[in-house]
Amino acid sequence: MKRLKLFYLLVLLLLVSGCSTSIDILLFPSDNIMLEVGDIYDLAPESNRLVAYEVSDTTVISINADVITALKVGSATITATAGAREALLLVTVTAAETEDPITDPVIDPIEDPSEDPAEDPIDNPIPLLTTMSVYFIDIGQGDCIFIELPNRENLMIDAGIGLSGGANSWANISSTLNALNVTVIDHLIITHNHSDHYELVPDVIANYEVLNVYGSGSTRTGQQYLGIMSAISDASIDYNIVSVGDKIIDEVGLMLQVVATQRILNETYPNISSVMTRLVFGDIAFMFKGEGGYSTSNDAEYIALASGLDLSADVLKVGHHGSSTSSMNSFLDAVGATYGVLTTAENSSTGHPKADALARLTAHNISLYQTKDHGNIIFRTTSTSITNIETAR
């Protein structure tokens, strides 16, 4: 997991802007690239023309806006063209290696009878609570999910202004958190750079103590994106860039893992870079998709399926508010959810959820809940079962 402040993001934007000359230029730092599965690599071309790429095997790597994502072990070639210039790049992807721990010489400690090793908090962490609560907050057609984790931490996934109902977005978010006496948000995930998922992040930061922010590292040039990143930086909060396979939380009996994402610089369609996460509490699992779907061959559902990670979940936060290009059958097969939640609004200008997406979800025997019908939707669980599903209406 990499950490990147706003300053470095802005530097990256400048680096990709390039310059123009009268002669076509196409140069790369390397034409023989070695990656591990899950790695993201910026080709960083030096060119005065728009660079186009052709990949020989899209199951091994994907490429978007000069950024490679390593999908599986293998090799592939990239043919890059810019004006009259052409370059051939070789990419080799290997399995991710597990680093061996550094072994220090064994030194016998001086025993102190007054110290009781059983009281060491590292060896004996605070036990998990027996319950977890997951709140799908009704903000219209947009996402804000708040989770009271069993390790006594708070997790928020997105904080947007929803379409067709956005006027009440902040009121519903703040009233839900205040009713729970929330003062600290330990983990805030921004799935992607769309207003219905991140516009209210500055408000969350201004009203609650946010300890960590996580995102794909994808960038935009608009004022809204820059303002949100400035709010994070001004509050001295680390912005953590995550990759496929990263475990944001990893404790005995509790795990939050990234199953899909990619970093795209100057992105024009943020949905495909959505940070998709799987939360596991004992035997119970939730899949949170952001707006990931299957609109292109490098969209989030394809990345998740290619990751080789366990995607099974009891509850699926349906991607992209139930659009036609989300929830493909092979992804639904891998998840095998019993329940699905759609963040929707009455009289949506986009027409979400779409009938074909609802048909696929229903065909997989998924019981559906929609915020437009039920308001806030709350799942109460233990580590072995979902004990209750509460709705505001």
Protein backbone atom coordinates (compact mmCIF):
# COMPACT_ATOMS: atom_id res chain seq x y z
CA MET A 1 0.00 0.00 0.00
CA LYS A 2 1.48 3.32 -1.06
CA ARG A 3 0.96 6.72 0.52
CA LEU A 4 0.70 9.82 -1.60
CA LYS A 5 -0.01 13.41 -0.61
CA LEU A 6 -1.77 15.97 -2.81
CA PHE A 7 1.55 17.55 -3.75
CA TYR A 8 2.75 14.37 -5.42
CA LEU A 9 -0.57 13.90 -7.20
CA LEU A 10 -0.26 17.35 -8.72
CA VAL A 11 3.32 16.58 -9.79
CA LEU A 12 2.06 13.48 -11.61
CA LEU A 13 -0.50 15.60 -13.45
CA LEU A 14 2.25 17.91 -14.63
CA LEU A 15 4.46 15.02 -15.75
CA VAL A 16 1.82 13.58 -18.06
CA SER A 17 0.99 16.93 -19.65
CA GLY A 18 4.01 16.75 -22.01
CA CYS A 19 5.11 19.29 -24.58
CA SER A 20 4.99 19.55 -28.36
CA THR A 21 7.65 19.80 -31.07
CA SER A 22 7.55 19.61 -34.81
CA ILE A 23 9.08 16.10 -34.84
CA ASP A 24 7.20 13.08 -33.48
CA ILE A 25 8.66 11.87 -30.16
CA LEU A 26 7.95 8.54 -28.45
CA LEU A 27 10.23 7.45 -25.62
CA PHE A 28 9.70 5.18 -22.59
CA PRO A 29 11.85 4.78 -19.45
CA SER A 30 12.02 1.04 -20.16
CA ASP A 31 10.97 -1.35 -22.93
CA ASN A 32 11.36 -4.48 -20.76
CA ILE A 33 8.99 -4.24 -17.80
CA MET A 34 8.90 -6.73 -14.90
CA LEU A 35 5.78 -6.73 -12.66
CA GLU A 36 4.10 -8.88 -10.03
CA VAL A 37 0.40 -9.76 -10.09
CA GLY A 38 -1.55 -6.78 -8.75
CA ASP A 39 1.18 -4.24 -9.53
CA ILE A 40 0.32 -0.95 -11.23
CA TYR A 41 2.94 0.61 -13.52
CA ASP A 42 2.93 4.04 -15.17
CA LEU A 43 4.48 3.80 -18.65
CA ALA A 44 5.29 7.54 -18.44
CA PRO A 45 5.83 8.09 -22.16
CA GLU A 46 7.68 11.13 -23.44
CA SER A 47 5.70 12.13 -26.51
CA ASN A 48 4.35 15.18 -28.24
CA ARG A 49 1.50 13.15 -29.71
CA LEU A 50 -1.38 11.17 -28.24
CA VAL A 51 -0.05 7.66 -27.55
CA ALA A 52 -2.17 4.67 -28.57
CA TYR A 53 -1.56 1.17 -27.21
CA GLU A 54 -2.33 -2.32 -28.49
CA VAL A 55 -1.93 -5.21 -25.99
CA SER A 56 -1.23 -8.74 -27.24
CA ASP A 57 -2.91 -10.47 -24.26
CA THR A 58 -5.46 -8.52 -22.21
CA THR A 59 -5.83 -11.38 -19.72
CA VAL A 60 -2.24 -10.79 -18.54
CA ILE A 61 -2.30 -7.00 -18.36
CA SER A 62 -4.75 -4.16 -18.87
CA ILE A 63 -3.80 -0.63 -19.84
CA ASN A 64 -5.65 2.64 -19.44
CA ALA A 65 -4.30 6.17 -19.77
CA ASP A 66 -0.63 5.02 -19.83
CA VAL A 67 -1.11 2.88 -16.70
CA ILE A 68 -0.62 -0.91 -16.72
CA THR A 69 -2.37 -3.22 -14.26
CA ALA A 70 -0.83 -6.70 -13.91
CA LEU A 71 -3.70 -9.21 -13.87
CA LYS A 72 -2.14 -12.68 -13.96
CA VAL A 73 1.17 -14.52 -14.45
CA GLY A 74 2.37 -14.44 -18.05
CA SER A 75 3.86 -12.12 -20.64
CA ALA A 76 2.43 -9.69 -23.12
CA THR A 77 3.67 -7.15 -25.63
CA ILE A 78 2.47 -3.58 -25.99
CA THR A 79 2.65 -1.83 -29.32
CA ALA A 80 2.71 1.91 -28.73
CA THR A 81 2.22 4.44 -31.51
CA ALA A 82 2.39 8.23 -31.50
CA GLY A 83 2.20 9.94 -34.87
CA ALA A 84 4.81 8.27 -37.08
CA ARG A 85 6.67 6.73 -34.14
CA GLU A 86 6.17 3.17 -32.90
CA ALA A 87 7.65 1.29 -29.91
CA LEU A 88 7.38 -2.32 -28.77
CA LEU A 89 7.35 -3.01 -25.03
CA LEU A 90 7.61 -6.41 -23.34
CA VAL A 91 5.80 -6.92 -20.04
CA THR A 92 6.48 -9.98 -17.86
CA VAL A 93 4.17 -10.66 -14.91
CA THR A 94 5.24 -13.00 -12.12
CA ALA A 95 3.51 -14.22 -8.97
CA ALA A 96 3.69 -11.86 -5.99
CA GLU A 97 6.46 -12.89 -3.63
CA THR A 98 6.10 -13.06 0.11
CA GLU A 99 9.03 -11.41 1.79
CA ASP A 100 10.81 -13.46 4.42
CA PRO A 101 10.96 -11.71 7.75
CA ILE A 102 14.34 -10.36 8.75
CA THR A 103 15.79 -12.67 11.33
CA ASP A 104 17.79 -10.95 14.04
CA PRO A 105 20.27 -12.82 16.24
CA VAL A 106 18.54 -14.47 19.18
CA ILE A 107 19.36 -12.68 22.40
CA ASP A 108 18.12 -14.11 25.67
CA PRO A 109 16.19 -11.38 27.48
CA ILE A 110 16.82 -10.55 31.09
CA GLU A 111 13.85 -11.98 32.93
CA ASP A 112 11.87 -9.63 35.10
CA PRO A 113 9.49 -11.49 37.42
CA SER A 114 7.35 -8.33 37.70
CA GLU A 115 6.44 -8.51 33.98
CA ASP A 116 3.59 -10.78 32.97
CA PRO A 117 3.84 -11.72 29.24
CA ALA A 118 0.14 -12.61 29.31
CA GLU A 119 -0.67 -8.93 29.68
CA ASP A 120 1.24 -7.88 26.54
CA PRO A 121 -1.38 -6.11 24.36
CA ILE A 122 0.45 -7.14 21.16
CA ASP A 123 0.20 -10.83 22.03
CA ASN A 124 -3.31 -10.45 23.43
CA PRO A 125 -5.30 -7.94 21.33
CA ILE A 126 -8.65 -6.68 22.51
CA PRO A 127 -11.16 -9.39 21.58
CA LEU A 128 -13.70 -8.62 18.86
CA LEU A 129 -17.21 -7.65 19.79
CA THR A 130 -19.85 -10.24 19.04
CA THR A 131 -21.83 -8.02 16.63
CA MET A 132 -21.34 -5.76 13.61
CA SER A 133 -23.75 -3.19 12.12
CA VAL A 134 -23.70 -2.05 8.48
CA TYR A 135 -25.71 1.09 7.59
CA PHE A 136 -26.61 1.83 3.96
CA ILE A 137 -27.54 5.50 4.37
CA ASP A 138 -30.25 6.83 2.05
CA ILE A 139 -28.82 9.80 0.15
CA GLY A 140 -30.73 9.24 -3.08
CA GLN A 141 -28.86 7.73 -6.02
CA GLY A 142 -25.46 7.85 -4.38
CA ASP A 143 -23.37 5.99 -1.82
CA CYS A 144 -22.61 6.44 1.84
CA ILE A 145 -22.09 3.29 3.88
CA PHE A 146 -21.17 3.37 7.57
CA ILE A 147 -20.01 0.32 9.50
CA GLU A 148 -19.55 -0.21 13.22
CA LEU A 149 -16.81 -2.83 13.11
CA PRO A 150 -16.43 -5.50 15.78
CA ASN A 151 -12.88 -4.30 16.54
CA ARG A 152 -14.46 -1.05 17.86
CA GLU A 153 -13.39 0.97 14.81
CA ASN A 154 -15.64 2.88 12.40
CA LEU A 155 -15.51 2.45 8.62
CA MET A 156 -17.15 4.70 6.03
CA ILE A 157 -17.32 3.86 2.33
CA ASP A 158 -18.05 6.97 0.24
CA ALA A 159 -19.86 10.18 1.14
CA GLY A 160 -21.64 11.52 -1.90
CA ILE A 161 -24.50 13.75 -2.90
CA GLY A 162 -27.04 11.48 -4.53
CA LEU A 163 -28.97 12.22 -7.68
CA SER A 164 -32.72 12.84 -7.26
CA GLY A 165 -32.64 13.34 -3.53
CA GLY A 166 -29.25 14.94 -3.02
CA ALA A 167 -30.67 17.89 -1.08
CA ASN A 168 -31.04 15.64 1.95
CA SER A 169 -27.74 13.81 1.55
CA TRP A 170 -25.76 15.58 4.28
CA ALA A 171 -28.75 15.76 6.62
CA ASN A 172 -29.21 11.99 6.41
CA ILE A 173 -25.50 11.24 6.81
CA SER A 174 -24.95 13.55 9.77
CA SER A 175 -28.16 12.58 11.56
CA THR A 176 -27.28 8.88 11.26
CA LEU A 177 -23.75 9.39 12.59
CA ASN A 178 -24.84 11.76 15.36
CA ALA A 179 -27.54 9.35 16.54
CA LEU A 180 -24.76 6.77 16.94
CA ASN A 181 -22.58 9.30 18.84
CA VAL A 182 -19.84 8.99 16.24
CA THR A 183 -16.86 11.30 16.70
CA VAL A 184 -14.09 9.34 14.95
CA ILE A 185 -14.03 7.62 11.56
CA ASP A 186 -11.01 5.34 11.53
CA HIS A 187 -11.20 4.40 7.86
CA LEU A 188 -12.78 6.35 4.97
CA ILE A 189 -12.71 4.73 1.52
CA ILE A 190 -13.36 6.82 -1.59
CA THR A 191 -14.35 4.24 -4.17
CA HIS A 192 -13.96 6.62 -7.14
CA ASN A 193 -14.04 10.24 -8.23
CA HIS A 194 -17.72 10.94 -8.86
CA SER A 195 -19.80 13.48 -6.92
CA ASP A 196 -22.44 10.93 -5.89
CA HIS A 197 -19.67 9.07 -4.07
CA TYR A 198 -17.24 11.70 -2.75
CA GLU A 199 -18.63 15.25 -2.87
CA LEU A 200 -19.35 15.33 0.89
CA VAL A 201 -15.92 14.04 1.95
CA PRO A 202 -14.84 17.59 2.98
CA ASP A 203 -17.98 17.86 5.16
CA VAL A 204 -17.17 14.55 6.84
CA ILE A 205 -13.60 15.71 7.49
CA ALA A 206 -14.82 19.05 8.87
CA ASN A 207 -17.29 17.47 11.30
CA TYR A 208 -15.61 14.23 12.39
CA GLU A 209 -12.07 13.11 13.12
CA VAL A 210 -11.01 11.08 10.10
CA LEU A 211 -7.85 9.05 10.68
CA ASN A 212 -7.21 7.38 7.31
CA VAL A 213 -8.43 7.87 3.74
CA TYR A 214 -8.06 5.23 1.02
CA GLY A 215 -8.52 5.43 -2.74
CA SER A 216 -7.34 4.18 -6.12
CA GLY A 217 -4.90 7.06 -6.68
CA SER A 218 -6.75 7.94 -9.89
CA THR A 219 -6.69 11.64 -10.70
CA ARG A 220 -8.89 14.25 -12.35
CA THR A 221 -8.28 17.87 -13.29
CA GLY A 222 -11.61 19.38 -12.19
CA GLN A 223 -12.04 21.76 -9.28
CA GLN A 224 -14.18 19.33 -7.30
CA TYR A 225 -11.47 16.66 -7.31
CA LEU A 226 -8.74 19.17 -6.43
CA GLY A 227 -10.89 20.62 -3.64
CA ILE A 228 -11.49 17.21 -2.10
CA MET A 229 -7.82 16.29 -2.23
CA SER A 230 -6.96 19.67 -0.69
CA ALA A 231 -9.40 19.02 2.17
CA ILE A 232 -7.65 15.71 2.87
CA SER A 233 -4.20 17.31 2.70
CA ASP A 234 -5.17 20.36 4.77
CA ALA A 235 -6.42 18.07 7.53
CA SER A 236 -3.04 16.24 7.50
CA ILE A 237 -4.72 12.95 6.68
CA ASP A 238 -2.73 10.38 4.74
CA TYR A 239 -4.27 9.40 1.41
CA ASN A 240 -3.48 5.70 1.01
CA ILE A 241 -3.37 4.34 -2.54
CA VAL A 242 -4.58 0.74 -2.50
CA SER A 243 -3.96 -2.14 -4.88
CA VAL A 244 -5.73 -5.42 -5.58
CA GLY A 245 -5.11 -7.84 -2.71
CA ASP A 246 -4.31 -5.16 -0.10
CA LYS A 247 -5.81 -5.79 3.32
CA ILE A 248 -6.92 -2.53 4.87
CA ILE A 249 -7.91 -4.43 8.02
CA ASP A 250 -6.38 -7.80 8.84
CA GLU A 251 -7.16 -9.26 12.25
CA VAL A 252 -8.11 -12.68 13.50
CA GLY A 253 -11.78 -13.02 12.55
CA LEU A 254 -11.97 -9.67 10.72
CA MET A 255 -10.65 -8.63 7.28
CA LEU A 256 -11.27 -5.87 4.79
CA GLN A 257 -9.59 -6.64 1.45
CA VAL A 258 -9.39 -4.81 -1.88
CA VAL A 259 -10.57 -7.12 -4.66
CA ALA A 260 -10.57 -4.65 -7.56
CA THR A 261 -9.15 -1.22 -8.38
CA GLN A 262 -6.75 0.48 -10.76
CA ARG A 263 -4.93 3.81 -10.88
CA ILE A 264 -5.76 6.01 -13.88
CA LEU A 265 -4.22 9.45 -14.36
CA ASN A 266 -6.50 12.15 -15.79
CA GLU A 267 -9.35 9.67 -15.94
CA THR A 268 -12.47 10.42 -17.99
CA TYR A 269 -14.65 7.50 -16.80
CA PRO A 270 -13.98 6.99 -13.07
CA ASN A 271 -16.37 4.05 -12.60
CA ILE A 272 -13.86 1.48 -13.86
CA SER A 273 -11.29 2.50 -11.23
CA SER A 274 -13.74 1.81 -8.37
CA VAL A 275 -12.17 0.40 -5.22
CA MET A 276 -14.14 -2.79 -4.64
CA THR A 277 -13.75 -4.29 -1.15
CA ARG A 278 -14.82 -7.47 0.64
CA LEU A 279 -15.46 -7.27 4.39
CA VAL A 280 -15.34 -10.56 6.32
CA PHE A 281 -16.45 -10.99 9.94
CA GLY A 282 -16.08 -14.64 10.86
CA ASP A 283 -18.38 -16.56 8.50
CA ILE A 284 -20.23 -13.46 7.24
CA ALA A 285 -19.05 -11.39 4.26
CA PHE A 286 -20.12 -8.19 2.49
CA MET A 287 -19.08 -7.10 -1.02
CA PHE A 288 -18.96 -3.32 -1.61
CA LYS A 289 -18.66 -2.47 -5.31
CA GLY A 290 -18.77 1.30 -5.69
CA GLU A 291 -19.77 1.73 -9.34
CA GLY A 292 -17.65 -1.11 -10.69
CA GLY A 293 -19.22 -3.07 -13.54
CA TYR A 294 -18.35 -4.71 -16.85
CA SER A 295 -18.69 -1.84 -19.33
CA THR A 296 -15.14 -2.40 -20.65
CA SER A 297 -12.66 -5.26 -20.55
CA ASN A 298 -10.74 -3.55 -17.72
CA ASP A 299 -13.77 -2.67 -15.59
CA ALA A 300 -13.81 -3.64 -11.92
CA GLU A 301 -15.84 -6.85 -12.21
CA TYR A 302 -13.29 -8.28 -14.69
CA ILE A 303 -10.40 -7.22 -12.44
CA ALA A 304 -12.03 -8.90 -9.43
CA LEU A 305 -12.65 -12.14 -11.31
CA ALA A 306 -9.06 -12.17 -12.63
CA SER A 307 -7.59 -11.54 -9.17
CA GLY A 308 -8.06 -15.12 -7.96
CA LEU A 309 -9.30 -13.78 -4.62
CA ASP A 310 -12.31 -15.14 -2.76
CA LEU A 311 -15.29 -13.05 -3.86
CA SER A 312 -18.04 -14.90 -1.98
CA ALA A 313 -20.34 -12.74 0.10
CA ASP A 314 -23.67 -12.93 1.88
CA VAL A 315 -24.55 -9.31 1.04
CA LEU A 316 -23.76 -7.50 -2.22
CA LYS A 317 -23.83 -3.71 -2.53
CA VAL A 318 -24.95 -3.76 -6.15
CA GLY A 319 -22.64 -1.83 -8.47
CA HIS A 320 -23.56 1.42 -10.27
CA HIS A 321 -27.05 1.64 -8.76
CA GLY A 322 -28.19 -1.32 -10.87
CA SER A 323 -27.05 -0.10 -14.30
CA SER A 324 -27.19 -2.34 -17.38
CA THR A 325 -23.38 -2.60 -17.37
CA SER A 326 -23.11 -3.93 -13.82
CA SER A 327 -23.71 -7.31 -12.18
CA MET A 328 -22.76 -9.67 -14.99
CA ASN A 329 -23.70 -13.31 -14.47
CA SER A 330 -20.16 -14.65 -13.94
CA PHE A 331 -19.54 -12.08 -11.22
CA LEU A 332 -22.84 -12.85 -9.51
CA ASP A 333 -21.95 -16.55 -9.66
CA ALA A 334 -18.63 -15.88 -7.91
CA VAL A 335 -20.25 -13.77 -5.18
CA GLY A 336 -23.25 -15.99 -4.53
CA ALA A 337 -25.01 -13.38 -2.42
CA THR A 338 -28.24 -13.93 -0.53
CA TYR A 339 -29.05 -10.23 -0.22
CA GLY A 340 -28.44 -7.25 -2.48
CA VAL A 341 -28.65 -3.52 -1.69
CA LEU A 342 -29.17 -0.87 -4.37
CA THR A 343 -28.63 2.83 -3.63
CA THR A 344 -31.40 4.36 -5.72
CA ALA A 345 -33.80 7.31 -5.88
CA GLU A 346 -37.32 7.96 -7.10
CA ASN A 347 -37.60 9.45 -10.59
CA SER A 348 -33.90 8.95 -11.34
CA SER A 349 -32.71 10.90 -14.38
CA THR A 350 -30.56 7.91 -15.37
CA GLY A 351 -33.35 5.35 -15.07
CA HIS A 352 -31.45 3.23 -12.56
CA PRO A 353 -31.95 0.48 -11.66
CA LYS A 354 -32.34 -1.04 -15.10
CA ALA A 355 -34.71 -3.94 -15.75
CA ASP A 356 -32.03 -6.23 -17.20
CA ALA A 357 -29.76 -5.80 -14.17
CA LEU A 358 -32.67 -6.49 -11.81
CA ALA A 359 -33.51 -9.60 -13.84
CA ARG A 360 -29.97 -10.96 -13.48
CA LEU A 361 -29.99 -10.30 -9.73
CA THR A 362 -33.38 -11.93 -9.31
CA ALA A 363 -32.32 -14.93 -11.41
CA HIS A 364 -29.53 -15.49 -8.88
CA ASN A 365 -32.11 -15.64 -6.07
CA ILE A 366 -30.84 -12.43 -4.46
CA SER A 367 -33.33 -10.71 -2.16
CA LEU A 368 -33.15 -7.01 -3.04
CA TYR A 369 -33.44 -3.90 -0.91
CA GLN A 370 -33.46 -0.38 -2.39
CA THR A 371 -32.93 2.87 -0.53
CA LYS A 372 -35.68 4.51 -2.62
CA ASP A 373 -38.13 2.00 -1.17
CA HIS A 374 -36.72 1.38 2.30
CA GLY A 375 -34.72 4.49 3.27
CA ASN A 376 -31.78 3.59 5.52
CA ILE A 377 -31.07 -0.13 5.42
CA ILE A 378 -29.23 -1.70 8.37
CA PHE A 379 -27.74 -5.19 8.56
CA ARG A 380 -27.03 -6.57 12.05
CA THR A 381 -24.71 -9.56 12.16
CA THR A 382 -22.78 -11.81 14.45
CA SER A 383 -19.72 -13.67 13.20
CA THR A 384 -21.95 -16.59 12.18
CA SER A 385 -25.21 -15.13 10.90
CA ILE A 386 -27.16 -12.07 9.79
CA THR A 387 -29.44 -11.59 12.75
CA ASN A 388 -31.65 -8.74 11.54
CA ILE A 389 -32.31 -6.42 8.58
CA GLU A 390 -33.84 -3.10 9.60
CA THR A 391 -35.31 -0.49 7.27
CA ALA A 392 -36.49 3.07 7.86
CA ARG A 393 -39.72 2.42 5.92
